[in-house]
Structures are given as C-alpha cells and as structure tokens.
C-alpha cells in the first residue's frame, strides 16, 4: 500500500486528494434509515465514528437485514398465535385487516425497541 499523498491547489490551500474505499451496493431500506436517524439524533459519537471509518453504510445494511428478518418472523408468529387465518380473511376482511394492522404495529414497536434504538 502506497502512502504517497498527492495534493490539489485550491486558491491558497493545498488539499489532499482523498479517495474513499469502495462500499457495497447493499440496500439500507426503511429500518436502516430509521437507525441512521436514531444514531444522528441520539448517538452522535457512534454515528460520526462509523461515518469517518466508512462503515456506516455496511452497519445500516446489516441493521436493515436483521430488522427485516425479525419483523417478518414476529408478524408470522403473532398472526399464528392469534389465529389469523385465510378463512377469517375471506369471511371478514375488515376484522382481519384490523387485527393484522394491530400485529404489524406491535411488531414494528418491538423491532424499534430491540434493534433500532439500541
């Protein structure tokens, strides 16, 4: 690895020519965006440490994957636990929607508490 630093003259200043390392094209998603906002607002030191180490994007992508898996699992488990079936969906759509929205909201709160706001 070469440690030669080149500079570009900008007015009266010599600025280093910095090149950031390649970052993956992994999706951040809604959970990653929520985590970024939480870090930026409540954990500024961690946010800037990850940002300056070029690890923020990877961290957010990992959080997104973990939170998505947990959310999907929670929704399935809670729906099964409360007896939400396709039969109920075909018989009473509004009741099914009401109960499923309740389950999704609870799962969202759990994921926020367990993963996003940690």
PDB file of N, CA and C in Angstrom:
ATOM      1  N   UNK A   1       0.842  -1.175   0.000  1.00  0.00           N
ATOM      2  CA  UNK A   1       0.000   0.000   0.000  1.00  0.00           C
ATOM      3  C   UNK A   1       0.887   1.237   0.000  1.00  0.00           C
ATOM      4  N   UNK A   2       0.625   2.103  -0.913  1.00  0.00           N
ATOM      5  CA  UNK A   2       1.430   3.311  -1.047  1.00  0.00           C
ATOM      6  C   UNK A   2       0.914   4.383  -0.088  1.00  0.00           C
ATOM      7  N   UNK A   3       1.830   5.086   0.527  1.00  0.00           N
ATOM      8  CA  UNK A   3       1.448   6.155   1.446  1.00  0.00           C
ATOM      9  C   UNK A   3       1.736   7.530   0.855  1.00  0.00           C
ATOM     10  N   UNK A   4       1.992   7.577  -0.455  1.00  0.00           N
ATOM     11  CA  UNK A   4       2.230   8.854  -1.102  1.00  0.00           C
ATOM     12  C   UNK A   4       0.924   9.625  -1.183  1.00  0.00           C
ATOM     13  N   UNK A   5       0.971  10.856  -0.720  1.00  0.00           N
ATOM     14  CA  UNK A   5      -0.216  11.701  -0.741  1.00  0.00           C
ATOM     15  C   UNK A   5      -0.006  12.776  -1.787  1.00  0.00           C
ATOM     16  N   UNK A   6      -1.006  12.921  -2.650  1.00  0.00           N
ATOM     17  CA  UNK A   6      -0.948  13.983  -3.652  1.00  0.00           C
ATOM     18  C   UNK A   6      -1.911  15.091  -3.242  1.00  0.00           C
ATOM     19  N   UNK A   7      -1.637  16.276  -3.715  1.00  0.00           N
ATOM     20  CA  UNK A   7      -2.427  17.440  -3.337  1.00  0.00           C
ATOM     21  C   UNK A   7      -2.879  18.193  -4.582  1.00  0.00           C
ATOM     22  N   UNK A   8      -3.994  18.880  -4.426  1.00  0.00           N
ATOM     23  CA  UNK A   8      -4.507  19.759  -5.462  1.00  0.00           C
ATOM     24  C   UNK A   8      -4.591  21.162  -4.892  1.00  0.00           C
ATOM     25  N   UNK A   9      -4.125  22.119  -5.643  1.00  0.00           N
ATOM     26  CA  UNK A   9      -4.128  23.521  -5.187  1.00  0.00           C
ATOM     27  C   UNK A   9      -5.514  24.112  -5.409  1.00  0.00           C
ATOM     28  N   UNK A  10      -6.129  24.610  -4.342  1.00  0.00           N
ATOM     29  CA  UNK A  10      -7.430  25.267  -4.395  1.00  0.00           C
ATOM     30  C   UNK A  10      -7.264  26.652  -3.785  1.00  0.00           C
ATOM     31  N   UNK A  11      -7.101  27.657  -4.607  1.00  0.00           N
ATOM     32  CA  UNK A  11      -6.874  29.005  -4.097  1.00  0.00           C
ATOM     33  C   UNK A  11      -5.537  29.064  -3.401  1.00  0.00           C
ATOM     34  N   UNK A  12      -5.536  29.398  -2.109  1.00  0.00           N
ATOM     35  CA  UNK A  12      -4.312  29.485  -1.326  1.00  0.00           C
ATOM     36  C   UNK A  12      -3.998  28.196  -0.574  1.00  0.00           C
ATOM     37  N   UNK A  13      -4.801  27.161  -0.785  1.00  0.00           N
ATOM     38  CA  UNK A  13      -4.652  25.944   0.015  1.00  0.00           C
ATOM     39  C   UNK A  13      -4.287  24.750  -0.846  1.00  0.00           C
ATOM     40  N   UNK A  14      -3.524  23.847  -0.273  1.00  0.00           N
ATOM     41  CA  UNK A  14      -3.263  22.546  -0.870  1.00  0.00           C
ATOM     42  C   UNK A  14      -4.148  21.525  -0.165  1.00  0.00           C
ATOM     43  N   UNK A  15      -5.079  20.940  -0.907  1.00  0.00           N
ATOM     44  CA  UNK A  15      -5.995  19.954  -0.343  1.00  0.00           C
ATOM     45  C   UNK A  15      -5.575  18.559  -0.778  1.00  0.00           C
ATOM     46  N   UNK A  16      -5.592  17.590   0.140  1.00  0.00           N
ATOM     47  CA  UNK A  16      -5.198  16.224  -0.227  1.00  0.00           C
ATOM     48  C   UNK A  16      -6.233  15.596  -1.155  1.00  0.00           C
ATOM     49  N   UNK A  17      -5.769  14.802  -2.078  1.00  0.00           N
ATOM     50  CA  UNK A  17      -6.647  14.053  -2.981  1.00  0.00           C
ATOM     51  C   UNK A  17      -7.025  12.752  -2.274  1.00  0.00           C
ATOM     52  N   UNK A  18      -8.186  12.753  -1.655  1.00  0.00           N
ATOM     53  CA  UNK A  18      -8.636  11.596  -0.885  1.00  0.00           C
ATOM     54  C   UNK A  18      -9.586  10.757  -1.717  1.00  0.00           C
ATOM     55  N   UNK A  19      -9.441   9.455  -1.615  1.00  0.00           N
ATOM     56  CA  UNK A  19     -10.319   8.519  -2.302  1.00  0.00           C
ATOM     57  C   UNK A  19     -10.918   7.602  -1.248  1.00  0.00           C
ATOM     58  N   UNK A  20     -12.232   7.588  -1.205  1.00  0.00           N
ATOM     59  CA  UNK A  20     -12.919   6.731  -0.244  1.00  0.00           C
ATOM     60  C   UNK A  20     -12.898   5.287  -0.723  1.00  0.00           C
ATOM     61  N   UNK A  21     -12.850   4.336   0.213  1.00  0.00           N
ATOM     62  CA  UNK A  21     -12.879   2.928  -0.190  1.00  0.00           C
ATOM     63  C   UNK A  21     -14.238   2.569  -0.789  1.00  0.00           C
ATOM     64  N   UNK A  22     -14.234   1.537  -1.610  1.00  0.00           N
ATOM     65  CA  UNK A  22     -15.463   1.064  -2.245  1.00  0.00           C
ATOM     66  C   UNK A  22     -16.447   0.583  -1.178  1.00  0.00           C
ATOM     67  N   UNK A  23     -17.692   0.955  -1.345  1.00  0.00           N
ATOM     68  CA  UNK A  23     -18.737   0.472  -0.452  1.00  0.00           C
ATOM     69  C   UNK A  23     -19.717  -0.332  -1.271  1.00  0.00           C
ATOM     70  N   UNK A  24     -20.261  -1.348  -0.652  1.00  0.00           N
ATOM     71  CA  UNK A  24     -21.173  -2.233  -1.359  1.00  0.00           C
ATOM     72  C   UNK A  24     -22.456  -1.537  -1.769  1.00  0.00           C
ATOM     73  N   UNK A  25     -23.198  -2.209  -2.615  1.00  0.00           N
ATOM     74  CA  UNK A  25     -24.480  -1.694  -3.075  1.00  0.00           C
ATOM     75  C   UNK A  25     -25.632  -2.299  -2.284  1.00  0.00           C
ATOM     76  N   UNK A  26     -25.396  -2.618  -1.047  1.00  0.00           N
ATOM     77  CA  UNK A  26     -26.443  -3.223  -0.229  1.00  0.00           C
ATOM     78  C   UNK A  26     -27.506  -2.181   0.090  1.00  0.00           C
ATOM     79  N   UNK A  27     -28.742  -2.626   0.132  1.00  0.00           N
ATOM     80  CA  UNK A  27     -29.868  -1.738   0.383  1.00  0.00           C
ATOM     81  C   UNK A  27     -29.956  -1.383   1.866  1.00  0.00           C
ATOM     82  N   UNK A  28     -30.199  -0.121   2.141  1.00  0.00           N
ATOM     83  CA  UNK A  28     -30.349   0.329   3.519  1.00  0.00           C
ATOM     84  C   UNK A  28     -31.793   0.126   3.976  1.00  0.00           C
ATOM     85  N   UNK A  29     -32.760   0.450   3.177  1.00  0.00           N
ATOM     86  CA  UNK A  29     -34.162   0.220   3.489  1.00  0.00           C
ATOM     87  C   UNK A  29     -34.686   1.106   4.603  1.00  0.00           C
ATOM     88  N   UNK A  30     -35.923   0.856   4.983  1.00  0.00           N
ATOM     89  CA  UNK A  30     -36.595   1.686   5.982  1.00  0.00           C
ATOM     90  C   UNK A  30     -35.972   1.519   7.368  1.00  0.00           C
ATOM     91  N   UNK A  31     -35.586   0.295   7.709  1.00  0.00           N
ATOM     92  CA  UNK A  31     -35.007   0.069   9.039  1.00  0.00           C
ATOM     93  C   UNK A  31     -33.633   0.716   9.147  1.00  0.00           C
ATOM     94  N   UNK A  32     -32.852   0.657   8.088  1.00  0.00           N
ATOM     95  CA  UNK A  32     -31.548   1.313   8.074  1.00  0.00           C
ATOM     96  C   UNK A  32     -31.683   2.824   8.166  1.00  0.00           C
ATOM     97  N   UNK A  33     -32.682   3.364   7.488  1.00  0.00           N
ATOM     98  CA  UNK A  33     -32.924   4.810   7.553  1.00  0.00           C
ATOM     99  C   UNK A  33     -33.337   5.226   8.969  1.00  0.00           C
ATOM    100  N   UNK A  34     -34.154   4.405   9.604  1.00  0.00           N
ATOM    101  CA  UNK A  34     -34.548   4.708  10.989  1.00  0.00           C
ATOM    102  C   UNK A  34     -33.348   4.640  11.925  1.00  0.00           C
ATOM    103  N   UNK A  35     -32.490   3.653  11.715  1.00  0.00           N
ATOM    104  CA  UNK A  35     -31.288   3.516  12.543  1.00  0.00           C
ATOM    105  C   UNK A  35     -30.357   4.715  12.342  1.00  0.00           C
ATOM    106  N   UNK A  36     -30.203   5.146  11.086  1.00  0.00           N
ATOM    107  CA  UNK A  36     -29.355   6.311  10.799  1.00  0.00           C
ATOM    108  C   UNK A  36     -29.882   7.550  11.515  1.00  0.00           C
ATOM    109  N   UNK A  37     -31.195   7.766  11.462  1.00  0.00           N
ATOM    110  CA  UNK A  37     -31.793   8.916  12.137  1.00  0.00           C
ATOM    111  C   UNK A  37     -31.585   8.823  13.649  1.00  0.00           C
ATOM    112  N   UNK A  38     -31.747   7.620  14.211  1.00  0.00           N
ATOM    113  CA  UNK A  38     -31.537   7.431  15.646  1.00  0.00           C
ATOM    114  C   UNK A  38     -30.091   7.724  16.026  1.00  0.00           C
ATOM    115  N   UNK A  39     -29.149   7.209  15.235  1.00  0.00           N
ATOM    116  CA  UNK A  39     -27.733   7.458  15.516  1.00  0.00           C
ATOM    117  C   UNK A  39     -27.421   8.949  15.418  1.00  0.00           C
ATOM    118  N   UNK A  40     -27.921   9.594  14.375  1.00  0.00           N
ATOM    119  CA  UNK A  40     -27.628  11.009  14.149  1.00  0.00           C
ATOM    120  C   UNK A  40     -28.194  11.888  15.260  1.00  0.00           C
ATOM    121  N   UNK A  41     -29.360  11.519  15.786  1.00  0.00           N
ATOM    122  CA  UNK A  41     -30.011  12.351  16.797  1.00  0.00           C
ATOM    123  C   UNK A  41     -29.590  12.013  18.228  1.00  0.00           C
ATOM    124  N   UNK A  42     -29.324  10.739  18.521  1.00  0.00           N
ATOM    125  CA  UNK A  42     -29.120  10.325  19.910  1.00  0.00           C
ATOM    126  C   UNK A  42     -27.748   9.726  20.215  1.00  0.00           C
ATOM    127  N   UNK A  43     -27.028   9.292  19.200  1.00  0.00           N
ATOM    128  CA  UNK A  43     -25.725   8.666  19.403  1.00  0.00           C
ATOM    129  C   UNK A  43     -24.717   9.274  18.424  1.00  0.00           C
ATOM    130  N   UNK A  44     -24.490  10.557  18.551  1.00  0.00           N
ATOM    131  CA  UNK A  44     -23.686  11.296  17.573  1.00  0.00           C
ATOM    132  C   UNK A  44     -22.259  10.785  17.462  1.00  0.00           C
ATOM    133  N   UNK A  45     -21.656  10.416  18.575  1.00  0.00           N
ATOM    134  CA  UNK A  45     -20.269   9.947  18.530  1.00  0.00           C
ATOM    135  C   UNK A  45     -20.170   8.655  17.723  1.00  0.00           C
ATOM    136  N   UNK A  46     -21.051   7.702  17.992  1.00  0.00           N
ATOM    137  CA  UNK A  46     -21.052   6.449  17.232  1.00  0.00           C
ATOM    138  C   UNK A  46     -21.332   6.716  15.763  1.00  0.00           C
ATOM    139  N   UNK A  47     -22.277   7.595  15.475  1.00  0.00           N
ATOM    140  CA  UNK A  47     -22.615   7.939  14.093  1.00  0.00           C
ATOM    141  C   UNK A  47     -21.389   8.463  13.348  1.00  0.00           C
ATOM    142  N   UNK A  48     -20.705   9.440  13.936  1.00  0.00           N
ATOM    143  CA  UNK A  48     -19.549  10.025  13.251  1.00  0.00           C
ATOM    144  C   UNK A  48     -18.353   9.077  13.205  1.00  0.00           C
ATOM    145  N   UNK A  49     -18.210   8.214  14.208  1.00  0.00           N
ATOM    146  CA  UNK A  49     -17.153   7.202  14.150  1.00  0.00           C
ATOM    147  C   UNK A  49     -17.382   6.234  12.989  1.00  0.00           C
ATOM    148  N   UNK A  50     -18.613   5.768  12.834  1.00  0.00           N
ATOM    149  CA  UNK A  50     -18.929   4.872  11.720  1.00  0.00           C
ATOM    150  C   UNK A  50     -18.795   5.590  10.383  1.00  0.00           C
ATOM    151  N   UNK A  51     -19.218   6.837  10.348  1.00  0.00           N
ATOM    152  CA  UNK A  51     -19.156   7.611   9.109  1.00  0.00           C
ATOM    153  C   UNK A  51     -17.719   7.851   8.669  1.00  0.00           C
ATOM    154  N   UNK A  52     -16.871   8.266   9.593  1.00  0.00           N
ATOM    155  CA  UNK A  52     -15.485   8.562   9.226  1.00  0.00           C
ATOM    156  C   UNK A  52     -14.661   7.297   8.966  1.00  0.00           C
ATOM    157  N   UNK A  53     -15.087   6.168   9.519  1.00  0.00           N
ATOM    158  CA  UNK A  53     -14.394   4.901   9.258  1.00  0.00           C
ATOM    159  C   UNK A  53     -14.949   4.209   8.005  1.00  0.00           C
ATOM    160  N   UNK A  54     -15.898   4.868   7.316  1.00  0.00           N
ATOM    161  CA  UNK A  54     -16.541   4.318   6.111  1.00  0.00           C
ATOM    162  C   UNK A  54     -17.235   2.989   6.404  1.00  0.00           C
ATOM    163  N   UNK A  55     -17.811   2.870   7.586  1.00  0.00           N
ATOM    164  CA  UNK A  55     -18.509   1.644   7.962  1.00  0.00           C
ATOM    165  C   UNK A  55     -19.999   1.884   8.188  1.00  0.00           C
ATOM    166  N   UNK A  56     -20.457   3.107   8.014  1.00  0.00           N
ATOM    167  CA  UNK A  56     -21.851   3.434   8.294  1.00  0.00           C
ATOM    168  C   UNK A  56     -22.799   2.693   7.358  1.00  0.00           C
ATOM    169  N   UNK A  57     -22.510   2.691   6.072  1.00  0.00           N
ATOM    170  CA  UNK A  57     -23.395   2.045   5.102  1.00  0.00           C
ATOM    171  C   UNK A  57     -23.537   0.551   5.385  1.00  0.00           C
ATOM    172  N   UNK A  58     -22.423  -0.116   5.664  1.00  0.00           N
ATOM    173  CA  UNK A  58     -22.481  -1.546   5.979  1.00  0.00           C
ATOM    174  C   UNK A  58     -23.266  -1.803   7.261  1.00  0.00           C
ATOM    175  N   UNK A  59     -23.057  -0.953   8.268  1.00  0.00           N
ATOM    176  CA  UNK A  59     -23.781  -1.084   9.535  1.00  0.00           C
ATOM    177  C   UNK A  59     -25.283  -0.946   9.298  1.00  0.00           C
ATOM    178  N   UNK A  60     -25.683   0.049   8.526  1.00  0.00           N
ATOM    179  CA  UNK A  60     -27.101   0.276   8.263  1.00  0.00           C
ATOM    180  C   UNK A  60     -27.708  -0.858   7.452  1.00  0.00           C
ATOM    181  N   UNK A  61     -26.955  -1.402   6.497  1.00  0.00           N
ATOM    182  CA  UNK A  61     -27.456  -2.528   5.703  1.00  0.00           C
ATOM    183  C   UNK A  61     -27.637  -3.768   6.576  1.00  0.00           C
ATOM    184  N   UNK A  62     -26.699  -4.011   7.494  1.00  0.00           N
ATOM    185  CA  UNK A  62     -26.826  -5.153   8.409  1.00  0.00           C
ATOM    186  C   UNK A  62     -28.028  -4.982   9.335  1.00  0.00           C
ATOM    187  N   UNK A  63     -28.207  -3.777   9.849  1.00  0.00           N
ATOM    188  CA  UNK A  63     -29.368  -3.497  10.710  1.00  0.00           C
ATOM    189  C   UNK A  63     -30.657  -3.720   9.935  1.00  0.00           C
ATOM    190  N   UNK A  64     -30.696  -3.268   8.687  1.00  0.00           N
ATOM    191  CA  UNK A  64     -31.887  -3.441   7.862  1.00  0.00           C
ATOM    192  C   UNK A  64     -32.212  -4.920   7.675  1.00  0.00           C
ATOM    193  N   UNK A  65     -31.209  -5.730   7.368  1.00  0.00           N
ATOM    194  CA  UNK A  65     -31.433  -7.165   7.174  1.00  0.00           C
ATOM    195  C   UNK A  65     -31.916  -7.828   8.459  1.00  0.00           C
ATOM    196  N   UNK A  66     -31.261  -7.513   9.555  1.00  0.00           N
ATOM    197  CA  UNK A  66     -31.629  -8.109  10.845  1.00  0.00           C
ATOM    198  C   UNK A  66     -33.041  -7.696  11.258  1.00  0.00           C
ATOM    199  N   UNK A  67     -33.358  -6.425  11.099  1.00  0.00           N
ATOM    200  CA  UNK A  67     -34.679  -5.926  11.497  1.00  0.00           C
ATOM    201  C   UNK A  67     -35.777  -6.491  10.603  1.00  0.00           C
ATOM    202  N   UNK A  68     -35.511  -6.625   9.316  1.00  0.00           N
ATOM    203  CA  UNK A  68     -36.500  -7.186   8.395  1.00  0.00           C
ATOM    204  C   UNK A  68     -36.812  -8.628   8.753  1.00  0.00           C
ATOM    205  N   UNK A  69     -35.779  -9.407   9.036  1.00  0.00           N
ATOM    206  CA  UNK A  69     -35.989 -10.805   9.430  1.00  0.00           C
ATOM    207  C   UNK A  69     -36.801 -10.892  10.720  1.00  0.00           C
ATOM    208  N   UNK A  70     -36.441 -10.073  11.700  1.00  0.00           N
ATOM    209  CA  UNK A  70     -37.147 -10.094  12.976  1.00  0.00           C
ATOM    210  C   UNK A  70     -38.608  -9.666  12.806  1.00  0.00           C
ATOM    211  N   UNK A  71     -38.852  -8.630  12.017  1.00  0.00           N
ATOM    212  CA  UNK A  71     -40.209  -8.140  11.783  1.00  0.00           C
ATOM    213  C   UNK A  71     -41.064  -9.220  11.125  1.00  0.00           C
ATOM    214  N   UNK A  72     -40.551  -9.826  10.057  1.00  0.00           N
ATOM    215  CA  UNK A  72     -41.306 -10.869   9.357  1.00  0.00           C
ATOM    216  C   UNK A  72     -41.624 -12.041  10.270  1.00  0.00           C
ATOM    217  N   UNK A  73     -40.644 -12.453  11.067  1.00  0.00           N
ATOM    218  CA  UNK A  73     -40.847 -13.556  11.999  1.00  0.00           C
ATOM    219  C   UNK A  73     -41.898 -13.209  13.052  1.00  0.00           C
ATOM    220  N   UNK A  74     -41.807 -12.006  13.599  1.00  0.00           N
ATOM    221  CA  UNK A  74     -42.780 -11.581  14.607  1.00  0.00           C
ATOM    222  C   UNK A  74     -44.194 -11.530  14.047  1.00  0.00           C
ATOM    223  N   UNK A  75     -44.356 -10.993  12.853  1.00  0.00           N
ATOM    224  CA  UNK A  75     -45.689 -10.907  12.249  1.00  0.00           C
ATOM    225  C   UNK A  75     -46.265 -12.304  12.051  1.00  0.00           C
ATOM    226  N   UNK A  76     -45.450 -13.220  11.524  1.00  0.00           N
ATOM    227  CA  UNK A  76     -45.929 -14.599  11.328  1.00  0.00           C
ATOM    228  C   UNK A  76     -46.318 -15.260  12.648  1.00  0.00           C
ATOM    229  N   UNK A  77     -45.442 -15.116  13.656  1.00  0.00           N
ATOM    230  CA  UNK A  77     -45.702 -15.758  14.947  1.00  0.00           C
ATOM    231  C   UNK A  77     -46.935 -15.165  15.630  1.00  0.00           C
ATOM    232  N   UNK A  78     -47.059 -13.864  15.633  1.00  0.00           N
ATOM    233  CA  UNK A  78     -48.207 -13.233  16.276  1.00  0.00           C
ATOM    234  C   UNK A  78     -49.507 -13.553  15.544  1.00  0.00           C
ATOM    235  N   UNK A  79     -49.478 -13.597  14.227  1.00  0.00           N
ATOM    236  CA  UNK A  79     -50.680 -13.945  13.459  1.00  0.00           C
ATOM    237  C   UNK A  79     -51.097 -15.383  13.750  1.00  0.00           C
ATOM    238  N   UNK A  80     -50.124 -16.270  13.820  1.00  0.00           N
ATOM    239  CA  UNK A  80     -50.426 -17.666  14.138  1.00  0.00           C
ATOM    240  C   UNK A  80     -50.964 -17.791  15.563  1.00  0.00           C
ATOM    241  N   UNK A  81     -50.349 -17.059  16.469  1.00  0.00           N
ATOM    242  CA  UNK A  81     -50.751 -17.101  17.881  1.00  0.00           C
ATOM    243  C   UNK A  81     -52.178 -16.606  18.084  1.00  0.00           C
ATOM    244  N   UNK A  82     -52.570 -15.609  17.303  1.00  0.00           N
ATOM    245  CA  UNK A  82     -53.908 -15.029  17.451  1.00  0.00           C
ATOM    246  C   UNK A  82     -54.935 -15.651  16.519  1.00  0.00           C
ATOM    247  N   UNK A  83     -54.533 -16.663  15.774  1.00  0.00           N
ATOM    248  CA  UNK A  83     -55.477 -17.398  14.940  1.00  0.00           C
ATOM    249  C   UNK A  83     -55.933 -16.658  13.692  1.00  0.00           C
ATOM    250  N   UNK A  84     -55.101 -15.819  13.143  1.00  0.00           N
ATOM    251  CA  UNK A  84     -55.448 -15.146  11.889  1.00  0.00           C
ATOM    252  C   UNK A  84     -55.215 -16.124  10.743  1.00  0.00           C
ATOM    253  N   UNK A  85     -56.289 -16.504  10.084  1.00  0.00           N
ATOM    254  CA  UNK A  85     -56.204 -17.499   9.019  1.00  0.00           C
ATOM    255  C   UNK A  85     -56.761 -16.930   7.724  1.00  0.00           C
ATOM    256  N   UNK A  86     -56.525 -17.650   6.648  1.00  0.00           N
ATOM    257  CA  UNK A  86     -57.088 -17.261   5.345  1.00  0.00           C
ATOM    258  C   UNK A  86     -58.605 -17.380   5.372  1.00  0.00           C
ATOM    259  N   UNK A  87     -59.119 -18.293   6.173  1.00  0.00           N
ATOM    260  CA  UNK A  87     -60.571 -18.441   6.286  1.00  0.00           C
ATOM    261  C   UNK A  87     -61.173 -17.185   6.891  1.00  0.00           C
ATOM    262  N   UNK A  88     -60.567 -16.664   7.955  1.00  0.00           N
ATOM    263  CA  UNK A  88     -61.043 -15.426   8.562  1.00  0.00           C
ATOM    264  C   UNK A  88     -60.932 -14.273   7.572  1.00  0.00           C
ATOM    265  N   UNK A  89     -59.878 -14.282   6.792  1.00  0.00           N
ATOM    266  CA  UNK A  89     -59.668 -13.226   5.800  1.00  0.00           C
ATOM    267  C   UNK A  89     -60.787 -13.234   4.755  1.00  0.00           C
ATOM    268  N   UNK A  90     -61.213 -14.413   4.331  1.00  0.00           N
ATOM    269  CA  UNK A  90     -62.269 -14.487   3.322  1.00  0.00           C
ATOM    270  C   UNK A  90     -63.654 -14.219   3.916  1.00  0.00           C
ATOM    271  N   UNK A  91     -63.844 -14.529   5.200  1.00  0.00           N
ATOM    272  CA  UNK A  91     -65.145 -14.338   5.829  1.00  0.00           C
ATOM    273  C   UNK A  91     -65.360 -12.905   6.304  1.00  0.00           C
ATOM    274  N   UNK A  92     -64.338 -12.315   6.896  1.00  0.00           N
ATOM    275  CA  UNK A  92     -64.478 -10.972   7.455  1.00  0.00           C
ATOM    276  C   UNK A  92     -63.192 -10.183   7.203  1.00  0.00           C
ATOM    277  N   UNK A  93     -63.143  -9.571   6.034  1.00  0.00           N
ATOM    278  CA  UNK A  93     -61.919  -8.878   5.635  1.00  0.00           C
ATOM    279  C   UNK A  93     -61.573  -7.718   6.563  1.00  0.00           C
ATOM    280  N   UNK A  94     -62.540  -6.946   6.964  1.00  0.00           N
ATOM    281  CA  UNK A  94     -62.255  -5.777   7.804  1.00  0.00           C
ATOM    282  C   UNK A  94     -61.723  -6.191   9.179  1.00  0.00           C
ATOM    283  N   UNK A  95     -62.263  -7.244   9.756  1.00  0.00           N
ATOM    284  CA  UNK A  95     -61.759  -7.743  11.029  1.00  0.00           C
ATOM    285  C   UNK A  95     -60.333  -8.249  10.870  1.00  0.00           C
ATOM    286  N   UNK A  96     -60.088  -8.981   9.768  1.00  0.00           N
ATOM    287  CA  UNK A  96     -58.747  -9.496   9.512  1.00  0.00           C
ATOM    288  C   UNK A  96     -57.748  -8.347   9.347  1.00  0.00           C
ATOM    289  N   UNK A  97     -58.113  -7.324   8.591  1.00  0.00           N
ATOM    290  CA  UNK A  97     -57.239  -6.166   8.375  1.00  0.00           C
ATOM    291  C   UNK A  97     -56.968  -5.448   9.695  1.00  0.00           C
ATOM    292  N   UNK A  98     -58.006  -5.260  10.480  1.00  0.00           N
ATOM    293  CA  UNK A  98     -57.858  -4.587  11.779  1.00  0.00           C
ATOM    294  C   UNK A  98     -56.876  -5.340  12.672  1.00  0.00           C
ATOM    295  N   UNK A  99     -57.046  -6.643  12.759  1.00  0.00           N
ATOM    296  CA  UNK A  99     -56.167  -7.434  13.620  1.00  0.00           C
ATOM    297  C   UNK A  99     -54.748  -7.521  13.064  1.00  0.00           C
ATOM    298  N   UNK A 100     -54.615  -7.612  11.740  1.00  0.00           N
ATOM    299  CA  UNK A 100     -53.288  -7.678  11.125  1.00  0.00           C
ATOM    300  C   UNK A 100     -52.553  -6.345  11.285  1.00  0.00           C
ATOM    301  N   UNK A 101     -53.240  -5.233  11.148  1.00  0.00           N
ATOM    302  CA  UNK A 101     -52.603  -3.931  11.378  1.00  0.00           C
ATOM    303  C   UNK A 101     -52.129  -3.800  12.821  1.00  0.00           C
ATOM    304  N   UNK A 102     -52.914  -4.313  13.747  1.00  0.00           N
ATOM    305  CA  UNK A 102     -52.514  -4.292  15.149  1.00  0.00           C
ATOM    306  C   UNK A 102     -51.234  -5.104  15.350  1.00  0.00           C
ATOM    307  N   UNK A 103     -51.177  -6.263  14.727  1.00  0.00           N
ATOM    308  CA  UNK A 103     -49.992  -7.128  14.827  1.00  0.00           C
ATOM    309  C   UNK A 103     -48.777  -6.433  14.214  1.00  0.00           C
ATOM    310  N   UNK A 104     -48.948  -5.834  13.048  1.00  0.00           N
ATOM    311  CA  UNK A 104     -47.835  -5.142  12.390  1.00  0.00           C
ATOM    312  C   UNK A 104     -47.322  -3.976  13.231  1.00  0.00           C
ATOM    313  N   UNK A 105     -48.241  -3.239  13.833  1.00  0.00           N
ATOM    314  CA  UNK A 105     -47.825  -2.124  14.698  1.00  0.00           C
ATOM    315  C   UNK A 105     -47.048  -2.614  15.913  1.00  0.00           C
ATOM    316  N   UNK A 106     -47.498  -3.706  16.518  1.00  0.00           N
ATOM    317  CA  UNK A 106     -46.767  -4.259  17.662  1.00  0.00           C
ATOM    318  C   UNK A 106     -45.389  -4.759  17.251  1.00  0.00           C
ATOM    319  N   UNK A 107     -45.324  -5.429  16.101  1.00  0.00           N
ATOM    320  CA  UNK A 107     -44.038  -5.931  15.614  1.00  0.00           C
ATOM    321  C   UNK A 107     -43.088  -4.771  15.322  1.00  0.00           C
ATOM    322  N   UNK A 108     -43.599  -3.696  14.756  1.00  0.00           N
ATOM    323  CA  UNK A 108     -42.778  -2.510  14.486  1.00  0.00           C
ATOM    324  C   UNK A 108     -42.221  -1.927  15.772  1.00  0.00           C
ATOM    325  N   UNK A 109     -43.043  -1.822  16.792  1.00  0.00           N
ATOM    326  CA  UNK A 109     -42.588  -1.285  18.078  1.00  0.00           C
ATOM    327  C   UNK A 109     -41.516  -2.179  18.701  1.00  0.00           C
ATOM    328  N   UNK A 110     -41.695  -3.477  18.605  1.00  0.00           N
ATOM    329  CA  UNK A 110     -40.705  -4.408  19.164  1.00  0.00           C
ATOM    330  C   UNK A 110     -39.375  -4.275  18.435  1.00  0.00           C
ATOM    331  N   UNK A 111     -39.409  -4.228  17.105  1.00  0.00           N
ATOM    332  CA  UNK A 111     -38.177  -4.087  16.324  1.00  0.00           C
ATOM    333  C   UNK A 111     -37.500  -2.748  16.644  1.00  0.00           C
ATOM    334  N   UNK A 112     -38.292  -1.689  16.731  1.00  0.00           N
ATOM    335  CA  UNK A 112     -37.715  -0.387  17.085  1.00  0.00           C
ATOM    336  C   UNK A 112     -37.015  -0.441  18.433  1.00  0.00           C
ATOM    337  N   UNK A 113     -37.651  -1.056  19.418  1.00  0.00           N
ATOM    338  CA  UNK A 113     -37.059  -1.112  20.762  1.00  0.00           C
ATOM    339  C   UNK A 113     -35.852  -2.032  20.821  1.00  0.00           C
ATOM    340  N   UNK A 114     -35.916  -3.179  20.157  1.00  0.00           N
ATOM    341  CA  UNK A 114     -34.868  -4.189  20.277  1.00  0.00           C
ATOM    342  C   UNK A 114     -33.647  -3.946  19.388  1.00  0.00           C
ATOM    343  N   UNK A 115     -33.871  -3.365  18.203  1.00  0.00           N
ATOM    344  CA  UNK A 115     -32.771  -3.245  17.242  1.00  0.00           C
ATOM    345  C   UNK A 115     -32.442  -1.784  16.917  1.00  0.00           C
ATOM    346  N   UNK A 116     -33.425  -1.019  16.543  1.00  0.00           N
ATOM    347  CA  UNK A 116     -33.170   0.336  16.030  1.00  0.00           C
ATOM    348  C   UNK A 116     -32.639   1.267  17.108  1.00  0.00           C
ATOM    349  N   UNK A 117     -33.235   1.262  18.280  1.00  0.00           N
ATOM    350  CA  UNK A 117     -32.870   2.216  19.332  1.00  0.00           C
ATOM    351  C   UNK A 117     -31.849   1.661  20.317  1.00  0.00           C
ATOM    352  N   UNK A 118     -31.146   0.615  19.950  1.00  0.00           N
ATOM    353  CA  UNK A 118     -30.112   0.036  20.832  1.00  0.00           C
ATOM    354  C   UNK A 118     -28.860   0.858  20.768  1.00  0.00           C
TER     355      UNK A 118
END
